Amino acid sequence: MEVKNLFASEQLAEDAIADMIRTANNGQMSHVDELRLDFNRICRKKDIQQRTRFGAYRFKDSANYSEAFSLETILNIKNEQRYLAACFSDYVVLVPRLGSKAEPCLLASLKNGYFYLLNADELPPANPVMHALKKAFSWIQKKISFKTFTK
């Protein structure tokens, strides 16, 4: 009987996490000690916005993501919450615009515009082609402003 209750409580914890992911954000921050987090997985909003420029990715509430997350992701979140003695909330996703079959990056909001990456070790790379075009455009803009300034 106790073994059955143990598995039932584990299943309830997993269902609660899945429900939190599917629930619309309400402005709550995750309750976690930031010093215990893996610093390589903490992302600034600015880092995320760099990936959303030029349409490479979309940054949106996880409730607006129509697909379900894998059981492995749910179990990783549950284990991370246990390890950190934390409660993650306000989940967001970083979804590639070009129909990728891979699971999108799932992030939980922290304080002051920071997010914690839950189902990957690092953010996906920004679009390098667009980055090169942006650098070229800024170089041209500097040259034009320098020539007009010196005249």
C-alpha atoms as a PDB file:
ATOM      1  CA  MET A   1       0.000   0.000   0.000  1.00  0.00           C
ATOM      2  CA  GLU A   2       2.829   2.420   0.870  1.00  0.00           C
ATOM      3  CA  VAL A   3       4.635   1.674  -2.409  1.00  0.00           C
ATOM      4  CA  LYS A   4       1.463   2.417  -4.342  1.00  0.00           C
ATOM      5  CA  ASN A   5       1.068   5.748  -2.501  1.00  0.00           C
ATOM      6  CA  LEU A   6       4.704   6.594  -3.194  1.00  0.00           C
ATOM      7  CA  PHE A   7       4.221   6.156  -6.937  1.00  0.00           C
ATOM      8  CA  ALA A   8       0.944   8.064  -6.799  1.00  0.00           C
ATOM      9  CA  SER A   9       2.587  11.037  -5.074  1.00  0.00           C
ATOM     10  CA  GLU A  10       5.412  11.019  -7.636  1.00  0.00           C
ATOM     11  CA  GLN A  11       2.852  11.000 -10.451  1.00  0.00           C
ATOM     12  CA  LEU A  12       0.977  13.889  -8.804  1.00  0.00           C
ATOM     13  CA  ALA A  13       4.206  15.910  -8.604  1.00  0.00           C
ATOM     14  CA  GLU A  14       4.874  15.316 -12.306  1.00  0.00           C
ATOM     15  CA  ASP A  15       1.294  16.246 -13.211  1.00  0.00           C
ATOM     16  CA  ALA A  16       1.568  19.444 -11.149  1.00  0.00           C
ATOM     17  CA  ILE A  17       4.706  20.474 -13.064  1.00  0.00           C
ATOM     18  CA  ALA A  18       3.042  19.731 -16.411  1.00  0.00           C
ATOM     19  CA  ASP A  19       0.023  21.804 -15.332  1.00  0.00           C
ATOM     20  CA  MET A  20       2.265  24.713 -14.286  1.00  0.00           C
ATOM     21  CA  ILE A  21       3.888  24.665 -17.727  1.00  0.00           C
ATOM     22  CA  ARG A  22       0.485  24.744 -19.448  1.00  0.00           C
ATOM     23  CA  THR A  23      -0.840  27.517 -17.158  1.00  0.00           C
ATOM     24  CA  ALA A  24      -0.647  31.133 -18.316  1.00  0.00           C
ATOM     25  CA  ASN A  25       1.945  33.286 -16.551  1.00  0.00           C
ATOM     26  CA  ASN A  26       0.711  35.555 -13.795  1.00  0.00           C
ATOM     27  CA  GLY A  27       3.834  37.546 -12.954  1.00  0.00           C
ATOM     28  CA  GLN A  28       5.150  35.294 -10.182  1.00  0.00           C
ATOM     29  CA  MET A  29       8.848  34.783  -9.839  1.00  0.00           C
ATOM     30  CA  SER A  30      10.348  31.385  -9.090  1.00  0.00           C
ATOM     31  CA  HIS A  31      11.200  30.791  -5.452  1.00  0.00           C
ATOM     32  CA  VAL A  32      14.801  29.663  -5.586  1.00  0.00           C
ATOM     33  CA  ASP A  33      18.151  30.506  -4.049  1.00  0.00           C
ATOM     34  CA  GLU A  34      20.048  31.982  -7.013  1.00  0.00           C
ATOM     35  CA  LEU A  35      23.419  31.066  -5.510  1.00  0.00           C
ATOM     36  CA  ARG A  36      22.609  27.361  -5.821  1.00  0.00           C
ATOM     37  CA  LEU A  37      21.708  27.583  -9.524  1.00  0.00           C
ATOM     38  CA  ASP A  38      24.010  26.523 -12.341  1.00  0.00           C
ATOM     39  CA  PHE A  39      25.297  29.907 -13.530  1.00  0.00           C
ATOM     40  CA  ASN A  40      25.825  28.613 -17.087  1.00  0.00           C
ATOM     41  CA  ARG A  41      22.070  28.103 -17.400  1.00  0.00           C
ATOM     42  CA  ILE A  42      21.022  31.563 -16.159  1.00  0.00           C
ATOM     43  CA  CYS A  43      20.080  33.819 -19.069  1.00  0.00           C
ATOM     44  CA  ARG A  44      19.436  37.531 -19.219  1.00  0.00           C
ATOM     45  CA  LYS A  45      16.431  38.778 -21.122  1.00  0.00           C
ATOM     46  CA  LYS A  46      18.871  40.594 -23.418  1.00  0.00           C
ATOM     47  CA  ASP A  47      20.517  37.264 -24.346  1.00  0.00           C
ATOM     48  CA  ILE A  48      17.133  35.821 -25.219  1.00  0.00           C
ATOM     49  CA  GLN A  49      16.114  38.894 -27.227  1.00  0.00           C
ATOM     50  CA  GLN A  50      19.254  38.499 -29.355  1.00  0.00           C
ATOM     51  CA  ARG A  51      17.908  35.154 -30.513  1.00  0.00           C
ATOM     52  CA  THR A  52      14.482  36.581 -31.329  1.00  0.00           C
ATOM     53  CA  ARG A  53      15.816  39.347 -33.578  1.00  0.00           C
ATOM     54  CA  PHE A  54      15.412  38.856 -37.318  1.00  0.00           C
ATOM     55  CA  GLY A  55      12.810  36.164 -36.722  1.00  0.00           C
ATOM     56  CA  ALA A  56      15.053  33.211 -35.852  1.00  0.00           C
ATOM     57  CA  TYR A  57      13.137  32.340 -32.649  1.00  0.00           C
ATOM     58  CA  ARG A  58       9.927  33.303 -30.876  1.00  0.00           C
ATOM     59  CA  PHE A  59       9.856  34.000 -27.150  1.00  0.00           C
ATOM     60  CA  LYS A  60       6.437  33.303 -25.686  1.00  0.00           C
ATOM     61  CA  ASP A  61       4.484  32.048 -22.712  1.00  0.00           C
ATOM     62  CA  SER A  62       4.630  28.269 -22.366  1.00  0.00           C
ATOM     63  CA  ALA A  63       0.819  28.166 -22.171  1.00  0.00           C
ATOM     64  CA  ASN A  64       0.747  29.340 -25.809  1.00  0.00           C
ATOM     65  CA  TYR A  65       2.973  26.460 -26.924  1.00  0.00           C
ATOM     66  CA  SER A  66       0.638  23.835 -28.364  1.00  0.00           C
ATOM     67  CA  GLU A  67       2.862  20.749 -28.045  1.00  0.00           C
ATOM     68  CA  ALA A  68       3.423  18.779 -24.841  1.00  0.00           C
ATOM     69  CA  PHE A  69       6.864  18.562 -23.307  1.00  0.00           C
ATOM     70  CA  SER A  70       8.538  15.191 -22.999  1.00  0.00           C
ATOM     71  CA  LEU A  71       8.458  13.128 -19.825  1.00  0.00           C
ATOM     72  CA  GLU A  72      12.240  13.500 -19.582  1.00  0.00           C
ATOM     73  CA  THR A  73      11.867  17.291 -19.367  1.00  0.00           C
ATOM     74  CA  ILE A  74       9.206  16.998 -16.660  1.00  0.00           C
ATOM     75  CA  LEU A  75      11.375  14.573 -14.652  1.00  0.00           C
ATOM     76  CA  ASN A  76      14.407  16.859 -15.009  1.00  0.00           C
ATOM     77  CA  ILE A  77      12.389  19.805 -13.682  1.00  0.00           C
ATOM     78  CA  LYS A  78      11.134  17.705 -10.768  1.00  0.00           C
ATOM     79  CA  ASN A  79      14.660  16.576  -9.887  1.00  0.00           C
ATOM     80  CA  GLU A  80      16.015  20.120 -10.237  1.00  0.00           C
ATOM     81  CA  GLN A  81      13.316  21.453  -7.921  1.00  0.00           C
ATOM     82  CA  ARG A  82      14.129  18.793  -5.339  1.00  0.00           C
ATOM     83  CA  TYR A  83      17.866  19.385  -5.567  1.00  0.00           C
ATOM     84  CA  LEU A  84      17.525  23.168  -5.273  1.00  0.00           C
ATOM     85  CA  ALA A  85      14.606  23.098  -2.818  1.00  0.00           C
ATOM     86  CA  ALA A  86      12.916  25.428  -5.283  1.00  0.00           C
ATOM     87  CA  CYS A  87       9.584  26.029  -6.906  1.00  0.00           C
ATOM     88  CA  PHE A  88       9.774  27.208 -10.499  1.00  0.00           C
ATOM     89  CA  SER A  89       6.952  29.268 -11.980  1.00  0.00           C
ATOM     90  CA  ASP A  90       6.121  31.475 -14.964  1.00  0.00           C
ATOM     91  CA  TYR A  91       7.511  29.226 -17.656  1.00  0.00           C
ATOM     92  CA  VAL A  92       8.378  30.622 -21.094  1.00  0.00           C
ATOM     93  CA  VAL A  93       9.649  28.944 -24.253  1.00  0.00           C
ATOM     94  CA  LEU A  94      12.089  29.897 -26.978  1.00  0.00           C
ATOM     95  CA  VAL A  95      10.661  28.299 -30.112  1.00  0.00           C
ATOM     96  CA  PRO A  96      12.501  28.207 -33.464  1.00  0.00           C
ATOM     97  CA  ARG A  97      10.427  29.804 -36.219  1.00  0.00           C
ATOM     98  CA  LEU A  98      11.527  27.340 -38.870  1.00  0.00           C
ATOM     99  CA  GLY A  99       9.507  24.252 -37.900  1.00  0.00           C
ATOM    100  CA  SER A 100      12.171  22.347 -36.009  1.00  0.00           C
ATOM    101  CA  LYS A 101      11.149  18.967 -34.619  1.00  0.00           C
ATOM    102  CA  ALA A 102      13.323  19.462 -31.520  1.00  0.00           C
ATOM    103  CA  GLU A 103      11.757  20.453 -28.236  1.00  0.00           C
ATOM    104  CA  PRO A 104      12.001  24.225 -27.635  1.00  0.00           C
ATOM    105  CA  CYS A 105      14.040  25.696 -24.817  1.00  0.00           C
ATOM    106  CA  LEU A 106      11.985  25.910 -21.622  1.00  0.00           C
ATOM    107  CA  LEU A 107      12.866  28.672 -19.159  1.00  0.00           C
ATOM    108  CA  ALA A 108      11.556  29.662 -15.732  1.00  0.00           C
ATOM    109  CA  SER A 109      11.521  33.336 -14.773  1.00  0.00           C
ATOM    110  CA  LEU A 110      13.742  34.569 -11.988  1.00  0.00           C
ATOM    111  CA  LYS A 111      14.132  38.035 -10.477  1.00  0.00           C
ATOM    112  CA  ASN A 112      15.124  41.177 -12.421  1.00  0.00           C
ATOM    113  CA  GLY A 113      14.616  39.887 -15.959  1.00  0.00           C
ATOM    114  CA  TYR A 114      16.672  36.723 -15.587  1.00  0.00           C
ATOM    115  CA  PHE A 115      15.574  33.265 -16.682  1.00  0.00           C
ATOM    116  CA  TYR A 116      16.757  29.767 -15.819  1.00  0.00           C
ATOM    117  CA  LEU A 117      17.132  27.300 -18.671  1.00  0.00           C
ATOM    118  CA  LEU A 118      15.530  24.012 -17.670  1.00  0.00           C
ATOM    119  CA  ASN A 119      15.791  21.524 -20.517  1.00  0.00           C
ATOM    120  CA  ALA A 120      19.148  22.364 -22.103  1.00  0.00           C
ATOM    121  CA  ASP A 121      22.671  23.267 -21.057  1.00  0.00           C
ATOM    122  CA  GLU A 122      22.833  26.489 -23.080  1.00  0.00           C
ATOM    123  CA  LEU A 123      20.728  28.693 -25.319  1.00  0.00           C
ATOM    124  CA  PRO A 124      20.719  27.879 -29.019  1.00  0.00           C
ATOM    125  CA  PRO A 125      23.131  30.012 -31.057  1.00  0.00           C
ATOM    126  CA  ALA A 126      21.914  33.267 -32.534  1.00  0.00           C
ATOM    127  CA  ASN A 127      21.603  33.383 -36.303  1.00  0.00           C
ATOM    128  CA  PRO A 128      25.230  33.929 -37.477  1.00  0.00           C
ATOM    129  CA  VAL A 129      24.236  35.155 -40.948  1.00  0.00           C
ATOM    130  CA  MET A 130      22.065  37.891 -39.490  1.00  0.00           C
ATOM    131  CA  HIS A 131      24.789  38.764 -37.005  1.00  0.00           C
ATOM    132  CA  ALA A 132      27.269  39.290 -39.869  1.00  0.00           C
ATOM    133  CA  LEU A 133      24.760  41.467 -41.732  1.00  0.00           C
ATOM    134  CA  LYS A 134      24.152  43.517 -38.615  1.00  0.00           C
ATOM    135  CA  LYS A 135      27.897  44.063 -38.133  1.00  0.00           C
ATOM    136  CA  ALA A 136      28.288  45.149 -41.755  1.00  0.00           C
ATOM    137  CA  PHE A 137      25.377  47.550 -41.468  1.00  0.00           C
ATOM    138  CA  SER A 138      26.753  49.087 -38.267  1.00  0.00           C
ATOM    139  CA  TRP A 139      30.186  49.480 -39.930  1.00  0.00           C
ATOM    140  CA  ILE A 140      28.604  51.347 -42.860  1.00  0.00           C
ATOM    141  CA  GLN A 141      26.621  53.496 -40.460  1.00  0.00           C
ATOM    142  CA  LYS A 142      29.791  54.415 -38.510  1.00  0.00           C
ATOM    143  CA  LYS A 143      31.651  55.334 -41.718  1.00  0.00           C
ATOM    144  CA  ILE A 144      28.820  57.581 -42.880  1.00  0.00           C
ATOM    145  CA  SER A 145      28.496  59.303 -39.514  1.00  0.00           C
ATOM    146  CA  PHE A 146      32.290  59.789 -39.294  1.00  0.00           C
ATOM    147  CA  LYS A 147      32.459  61.400 -42.757  1.00  0.00           C
ATOM    148  CA  THR A 148      29.529  63.713 -42.055  1.00  0.00           C
ATOM    149  CA  PHE A 149      30.941  64.625 -38.651  1.00  0.00           C
ATOM    150  CA  THR A 150      34.413  65.556 -39.968  1.00  0.00           C
ATOM    151  CA  LYS A 151      33.114  67.882 -42.710  1.00  0.00           C
END
